[in-house]
Amino acid sequence: MESSTVQKKEQITALDIGYEKTCECPPNHINCMTAKEWLKAQIGVWQFYYEGRDIRDKELHPATYPISLAKKCIELFTHEGELVIDPFVGSGTTLVAARDINRNAVGFDLNEKYIELTEDRLSQQSLFADTQQLAVCTDARNIKEYIQPGTVSLILTSPPYANLLDRKRQNKSRRGRERKNEQYNKIEQYSQDPRDLGTLALDDYSKAIGEIYQDLLPLLKPKGHCVINIPDMWWENKRITLHIAVVEALRAVGYELRNTIIWDRTNIVNKVGIFGWPSNYITMGVTFEYLLHFWKPE
């Protein structure tokens, strides 16, 4: 079975992809975890490490999460053989993780460069598998045309951060030589496509997120899950609460917030700068992010 496919922007064809569980877990289990694994996942602060296959190069993609993060979310909220979708697949980490643990997955992105990067990462792994991982180059607003209603067990993504990356990076969270590194004074935007959520002001961004996820809700199975990785950011000495904007947008269109998990990044951050000292206390956004867990009520 061929494990990955690129579909061009002008093609909209419903995908033939598996979504039924292939494990032998009892019907009332939401995943294939053991009791010991479940217990570890209940702790609401998570840490992860990057591995050699992870994308860390900002030239390739400005904002990525580790394969281990995607794996943990997928293992927690799906069974083997079930279907995961990523509406903003970026560098393809969700699909790489899904393949590792035998889940079907489809990732969508506006940017053909990111679809090609995803394809390249998938091509470096075995082509012989029981599941498929497909990369589709299209607007997230078109996803409902590709996926059958009631077939998705998990929506997992890290969406664009509104227009907050569309500015020259000053690296204020770093110190010493790290501040004027290769990222200094660069704009790390995803794209300048007007359809890209990364070009939108916060109010427009919130509206667009709500509209996209409203269309995705019917694709989820009853009590299907949704996890969104999002940070807050600072802009002109104000905290921009992206995570609150996302929670409000999804609640307004029918999702129920179940859990807020903190991704503690302190184990992977080096030489954090003294930001705001001595007169302005600011918690460093680089040291933690949110994992917002929703589900589709019955």
Protein backbone atom coordinates (compact mmCIF):
# COMPACT_ATOMS: atom_id res chain seq x y z
CA MET A 1 0.00 0.00 0.00
CA GLU A 2 1.42 3.41 -0.89
CA SER A 3 1.63 5.36 2.33
CA SER A 4 1.64 9.03 1.26
CA THR A 5 0.11 11.18 -1.45
CA VAL A 6 0.19 14.85 -2.45
CA GLN A 7 -3.02 16.27 -3.87
CA LYS A 8 -2.71 19.61 -5.68
CA LYS A 9 -4.72 22.64 -4.74
CA GLU A 10 -7.10 22.50 -7.67
CA GLN A 11 -8.15 18.89 -6.96
CA ILE A 12 -10.89 18.24 -4.42
CA THR A 13 -11.63 14.54 -4.12
CA ALA A 14 -13.01 12.68 -1.11
CA LEU A 15 -10.22 10.53 0.32
CA ASP A 16 -10.47 6.77 0.66
CA ILE A 17 -8.71 6.21 3.98
CA GLY A 18 -9.26 3.91 6.94
CA TYR A 19 -10.80 5.13 10.17
CA GLU A 20 -11.96 2.02 12.09
CA LYS A 21 -9.87 0.72 14.95
CA THR A 22 -7.85 -2.41 14.21
CA CYS A 23 -6.87 -3.27 17.78
CA GLU A 24 -8.75 -5.63 20.11
CA CYS A 25 -9.39 -3.09 22.88
CA PRO A 26 -12.81 -3.26 24.62
CA PRO A 27 -15.49 -0.90 23.20
CA ASN A 28 -15.46 1.38 26.26
CA HIS A 29 -11.70 2.10 26.05
CA ILE A 30 -10.71 5.42 24.46
CA ASN A 31 -7.18 4.24 23.64
CA CYS A 32 -4.80 1.29 23.70
CA MET A 33 -2.88 2.44 26.79
CA THR A 34 -2.06 0.32 29.79
CA ALA A 35 -3.06 1.53 33.26
CA LYS A 36 0.56 2.56 33.95
CA GLU A 37 0.76 4.59 30.73
CA TRP A 38 -2.62 6.19 31.50
CA LEU A 39 -1.42 7.22 34.97
CA LYS A 40 1.61 9.03 33.53
CA ALA A 41 -0.61 10.87 31.05
CA GLN A 42 -2.85 12.20 33.84
CA ILE A 43 -0.15 14.56 35.08
CA GLY A 44 -1.13 17.92 33.60
CA VAL A 45 2.40 19.18 32.93
CA TRP A 46 4.26 17.41 30.13
CA GLN A 47 7.88 17.52 28.97
CA PHE A 48 9.27 16.21 25.71
CA TYR A 49 12.63 15.78 24.01
CA TYR A 50 13.49 16.23 20.36
CA GLU A 51 15.02 13.39 18.35
CA GLY A 52 17.10 13.27 15.18
CA ARG A 53 14.03 13.11 12.91
CA ASP A 54 12.52 16.28 14.36
CA ILE A 55 12.56 19.54 12.39
CA ARG A 56 14.36 22.29 14.36
CA ASP A 57 15.53 24.46 11.45
CA LYS A 58 13.58 27.75 11.44
CA GLU A 59 14.40 28.15 7.75
CA LEU A 60 12.29 25.06 7.06
CA HIS A 61 9.42 25.95 9.40
CA PRO A 62 9.12 28.70 12.05
CA ALA A 63 7.14 26.76 14.66
CA THR A 64 7.26 23.00 15.18
CA TYR A 65 6.52 20.55 17.97
CA PRO A 66 8.40 17.29 18.64
CA ILE A 67 7.33 13.90 17.33
CA SER A 68 7.09 12.70 20.93
CA LEU A 69 4.40 15.32 21.68
CA ALA A 70 2.29 14.28 18.70
CA LYS A 71 2.72 10.60 19.60
CA LYS A 72 1.52 11.12 23.16
CA CYS A 73 -1.60 12.99 22.04
CA ILE A 74 -2.40 10.41 19.37
CA GLU A 75 -1.85 7.48 21.76
CA LEU A 76 -4.05 9.12 24.39
CA PHE A 77 -7.05 9.87 22.17
CA THR A 78 -7.10 7.16 19.48
CA HIS A 79 -6.84 3.43 18.86
CA GLU A 80 -4.65 1.77 16.26
CA GLY A 81 -6.17 2.10 12.80
CA GLU A 82 -8.26 5.18 13.63
CA LEU A 83 -8.08 8.47 11.75
CA VAL A 84 -6.21 11.62 12.80
CA ILE A 85 -6.31 14.89 10.86
CA ASP A 86 -4.07 17.96 11.12
CA PRO A 87 -5.64 21.08 9.55
CA PHE A 88 -2.32 23.00 9.58
CA VAL A 89 0.18 20.20 9.07
CA GLY A 90 3.25 22.41 8.54
CA SER A 91 6.38 20.26 8.68
CA GLY A 92 4.35 17.03 8.91
CA THR A 93 5.17 15.97 12.47
CA THR A 94 1.61 14.73 13.13
CA LEU A 95 1.79 12.39 10.14
CA VAL A 96 5.23 11.07 11.08
CA ALA A 97 3.99 10.29 14.60
CA ALA A 98 0.80 8.68 13.27
CA ARG A 99 2.79 6.35 11.06
CA ASP A 100 5.08 5.39 13.95
CA ILE A 101 2.10 4.17 16.01
CA ASN A 102 -0.10 2.71 13.27
CA ARG A 103 -2.78 5.37 12.85
CA ASN A 104 -4.24 6.68 9.60
CA ALA A 105 -3.73 10.41 9.19
CA VAL A 106 -4.32 13.29 6.78
CA GLY A 107 -2.53 16.62 6.99
CA PHE A 108 -3.60 19.79 5.19
CA ASP A 109 -1.64 22.94 4.44
CA LEU A 110 -1.91 25.94 2.14
CA ASN A 111 1.81 26.06 1.56
CA GLU A 112 3.08 23.65 -1.07
CA LYS A 113 6.59 23.96 0.39
CA TYR A 114 5.37 22.42 3.65
CA ILE A 115 3.54 19.63 1.85
CA GLU A 116 6.77 18.79 0.02
CA LEU A 117 8.67 18.82 3.33
CA THR A 118 6.07 16.47 4.83
CA GLU A 119 6.35 14.15 1.84
CA ASP A 120 10.10 14.10 2.14
CA ARG A 121 9.91 13.13 5.81
CA LEU A 122 7.40 10.36 5.11
CA SER A 123 9.48 9.01 2.22
CA GLN A 124 12.37 8.36 4.59
CA GLN A 125 10.36 5.68 6.36
CA SER A 126 9.11 2.27 5.35
CA LEU A 127 6.50 2.16 2.58
CA PHE A 128 5.10 -1.09 3.93
CA ALA A 129 2.47 -0.34 6.54
CA ASP A 130 -1.13 -1.12 7.44
CA THR A 131 -2.08 2.55 7.61
CA GLN A 132 -1.90 5.60 5.34
CA GLN A 133 -0.60 9.09 5.94
CA LEU A 134 -1.66 11.57 3.28
CA ALA A 135 -0.56 15.18 2.73
CA VAL A 136 -2.99 17.49 0.94
CA CYS A 137 -2.17 20.98 -0.30
CA THR A 138 -5.34 22.98 0.24
CA ASP A 139 -6.98 25.61 2.42
CA ALA A 140 -8.18 24.28 5.81
CA ARG A 141 -11.60 25.65 4.83
CA ASN A 142 -11.83 22.85 2.22
CA ILE A 143 -11.18 19.91 4.56
CA LYS A 144 -14.86 18.97 4.78
CA GLU A 145 -14.70 18.12 1.06
CA TYR A 146 -11.98 15.51 1.64
CA ILE A 147 -13.10 13.73 4.82
CA GLN A 148 -16.30 11.79 5.47
CA PRO A 149 -18.46 12.97 8.40
CA GLY A 150 -18.17 10.99 11.62
CA THR A 151 -14.86 9.28 10.76
CA VAL A 152 -12.22 11.32 12.61
CA SER A 153 -11.09 10.30 16.10
CA LEU A 154 -8.63 13.15 16.70
CA ILE A 155 -7.90 16.59 15.29
CA LEU A 156 -4.35 17.52 16.31
CA THR A 157 -2.47 20.65 15.27
CA SER A 158 -0.48 23.72 16.14
CA PRO A 159 -2.18 26.51 14.17
CA PRO A 160 -0.58 29.77 13.01
CA TYR A 161 -0.19 32.38 15.76
CA ALA A 162 -2.32 35.09 14.12
CA ASN A 163 -0.02 37.79 12.69
CA LEU A 164 2.33 37.70 15.69
CA LEU A 165 5.22 36.15 13.74
CA ASP A 166 4.88 38.75 11.00
CA ARG A 167 7.54 41.02 12.51
CA LYS A 168 11.31 41.11 12.83
CA ARG A 169 12.49 38.81 15.59
CA GLN A 170 14.40 40.60 18.38
CA ASN A 171 15.27 37.48 20.45
CA LYS A 172 14.58 39.29 23.73
CA SER A 173 14.13 35.91 25.43
CA ARG A 174 17.77 35.01 24.75
CA ARG A 175 20.99 36.33 26.22
CA GLY A 176 24.61 36.72 25.27
CA ARG A 177 25.68 35.60 21.83
CA GLU A 178 22.44 33.65 21.45
CA ARG A 179 20.46 36.86 21.02
CA LYS A 180 22.02 37.86 17.70
CA ASN A 181 21.84 34.38 16.20
CA GLU A 182 20.73 33.44 12.69
CA GLN A 183 17.10 34.31 13.56
CA TYR A 184 17.83 37.86 14.72
CA ASN A 185 15.94 40.56 12.74
CA LYS A 186 14.28 37.93 10.53
CA ILE A 187 10.55 37.65 9.90
CA GLU A 188 9.51 34.06 10.57
CA GLN A 189 6.07 34.14 9.04
CA TYR A 190 4.53 31.00 7.54
CA SER A 191 3.55 32.76 4.31
CA GLN A 192 2.06 35.99 2.98
CA ASP A 193 -0.93 34.21 1.44
CA PRO A 194 -4.02 36.27 2.45
CA ARG A 195 -5.83 33.01 3.25
CA ASP A 196 -3.14 32.15 5.81
CA LEU A 197 -4.34 32.61 9.41
CA GLY A 198 -0.83 33.85 10.16
CA THR A 199 -1.58 37.09 8.32
CA LEU A 200 -4.67 37.97 10.40
CA ALA A 201 -5.13 40.36 13.30
CA LEU A 202 -6.35 38.65 16.48
CA ASP A 203 -10.10 39.36 16.06
CA ASP A 204 -10.08 38.17 12.45
CA TYR A 205 -7.96 35.20 13.47
CA SER A 206 -10.46 34.17 16.15
CA LYS A 207 -13.32 34.38 13.68
CA ALA A 208 -11.44 32.32 11.07
CA ILE A 209 -10.45 29.64 13.63
CA GLY A 210 -14.09 29.37 14.70
CA GLU A 211 -15.33 29.01 11.13
CA ILE A 212 -12.74 26.36 10.25
CA TYR A 213 -13.39 24.28 13.37
CA GLN A 214 -17.14 24.60 12.95
CA ASP A 215 -16.73 22.83 9.60
CA LEU A 216 -14.48 20.20 11.21
CA LEU A 217 -16.89 19.34 14.04
CA PRO A 218 -19.20 17.11 11.92
CA LEU A 219 -16.15 15.12 10.79
CA LEU A 220 -15.45 13.98 14.36
CA LYS A 221 -16.96 10.84 15.79
CA PRO A 222 -19.24 11.36 18.83
CA LYS A 223 -16.86 12.17 21.71
CA GLY A 224 -14.07 12.55 19.17
CA HIS A 225 -11.15 14.59 20.42
CA CYS A 226 -9.35 17.77 19.41
CA VAL A 227 -5.97 18.97 20.71
CA ILE A 228 -4.54 22.38 19.84
CA ASN A 229 -0.99 23.40 20.74
CA ILE A 230 -0.79 27.19 21.16
CA PRO A 231 1.37 29.68 23.11
CA ASP A 232 0.56 33.14 24.36
CA MET A 233 2.80 35.91 23.08
CA TRP A 234 3.90 39.43 23.97
CA TRP A 235 3.27 42.39 21.66
CA GLU A 236 4.14 45.98 22.58
CA ASN A 237 4.27 45.11 26.29
CA LYS A 238 0.89 43.38 26.26
CA ARG A 239 0.15 39.69 26.70
CA ILE A 240 -1.72 38.38 23.65
CA THR A 241 -3.81 35.50 24.99
CA LEU A 242 -4.02 33.29 21.95
CA HIS A 243 -5.06 30.29 24.03
CA ILE A 244 -8.11 32.16 25.35
CA ALA A 245 -9.06 33.26 21.83
CA VAL A 246 -8.92 29.63 20.67
CA VAL A 247 -10.95 28.34 23.64
CA GLU A 248 -13.67 30.94 23.10
CA ALA A 249 -13.79 30.34 19.34
CA LEU A 250 -14.17 26.56 19.69
CA ARG A 251 -16.69 26.71 22.52
CA ALA A 252 -18.81 29.08 20.45
CA VAL A 253 -19.15 26.51 17.65
CA GLY A 254 -19.90 23.45 19.80
CA TYR A 255 -16.68 21.99 21.22
CA GLU A 256 -16.35 21.26 24.93
CA LEU A 257 -13.06 22.09 26.66
CA ARG A 258 -12.01 19.06 28.70
CA ASN A 259 -8.42 19.66 29.80
CA THR A 260 -5.68 22.27 29.72
CA ILE A 261 -2.22 20.70 29.66
CA ILE A 262 1.00 22.68 30.03
CA TRP A 263 3.86 21.77 27.72
CA ASP A 264 6.82 22.55 29.98
CA ARG A 265 9.67 23.45 27.63
CA THR A 266 12.28 24.32 30.25
CA ASN A 267 14.22 21.13 29.58
CA ILE A 268 14.86 22.16 25.94
CA VAL A 269 15.48 25.90 26.40
CA ASN A 270 19.02 27.17 26.91
CA LYS A 271 20.34 30.57 28.01
CA VAL A 272 17.01 32.27 28.63
CA GLY A 273 17.42 36.04 28.77
CA ILE A 274 16.42 38.28 31.70
CA PHE A 275 13.23 39.69 30.22
CA GLY A 276 11.56 42.66 31.95
CA TRP A 277 14.02 42.94 34.86
CA PRO A 278 14.00 44.88 37.13
CA SER A 279 10.63 46.59 36.75
CA ASN A 280 8.32 44.46 34.58
CA TYR A 281 7.59 40.83 35.50
CA ILE A 282 6.90 38.71 32.43
CA THR A 283 6.65 34.90 32.27
CA MET A 284 8.69 33.67 29.35
CA GLY A 285 6.60 32.31 26.52
CA VAL A 286 9.49 30.17 25.28
CA THR A 287 9.41 28.09 28.48
CA PHE A 288 5.84 26.78 28.22
CA GLU A 289 2.94 26.38 25.81
CA TYR A 290 -0.65 25.16 26.11
CA LEU A 291 -2.17 21.91 24.89
CA LEU A 292 -5.90 22.56 24.80
CA HIS A 293 -7.99 19.39 24.79
CA PHE A 294 -11.58 19.52 23.52
CA TRP A 295 -14.09 16.89 22.52
CA LYS A 296 -17.29 16.70 20.52
CA PRO A 297 -20.21 16.21 22.94
CA GLU A 298 -22.61 13.41 22.07
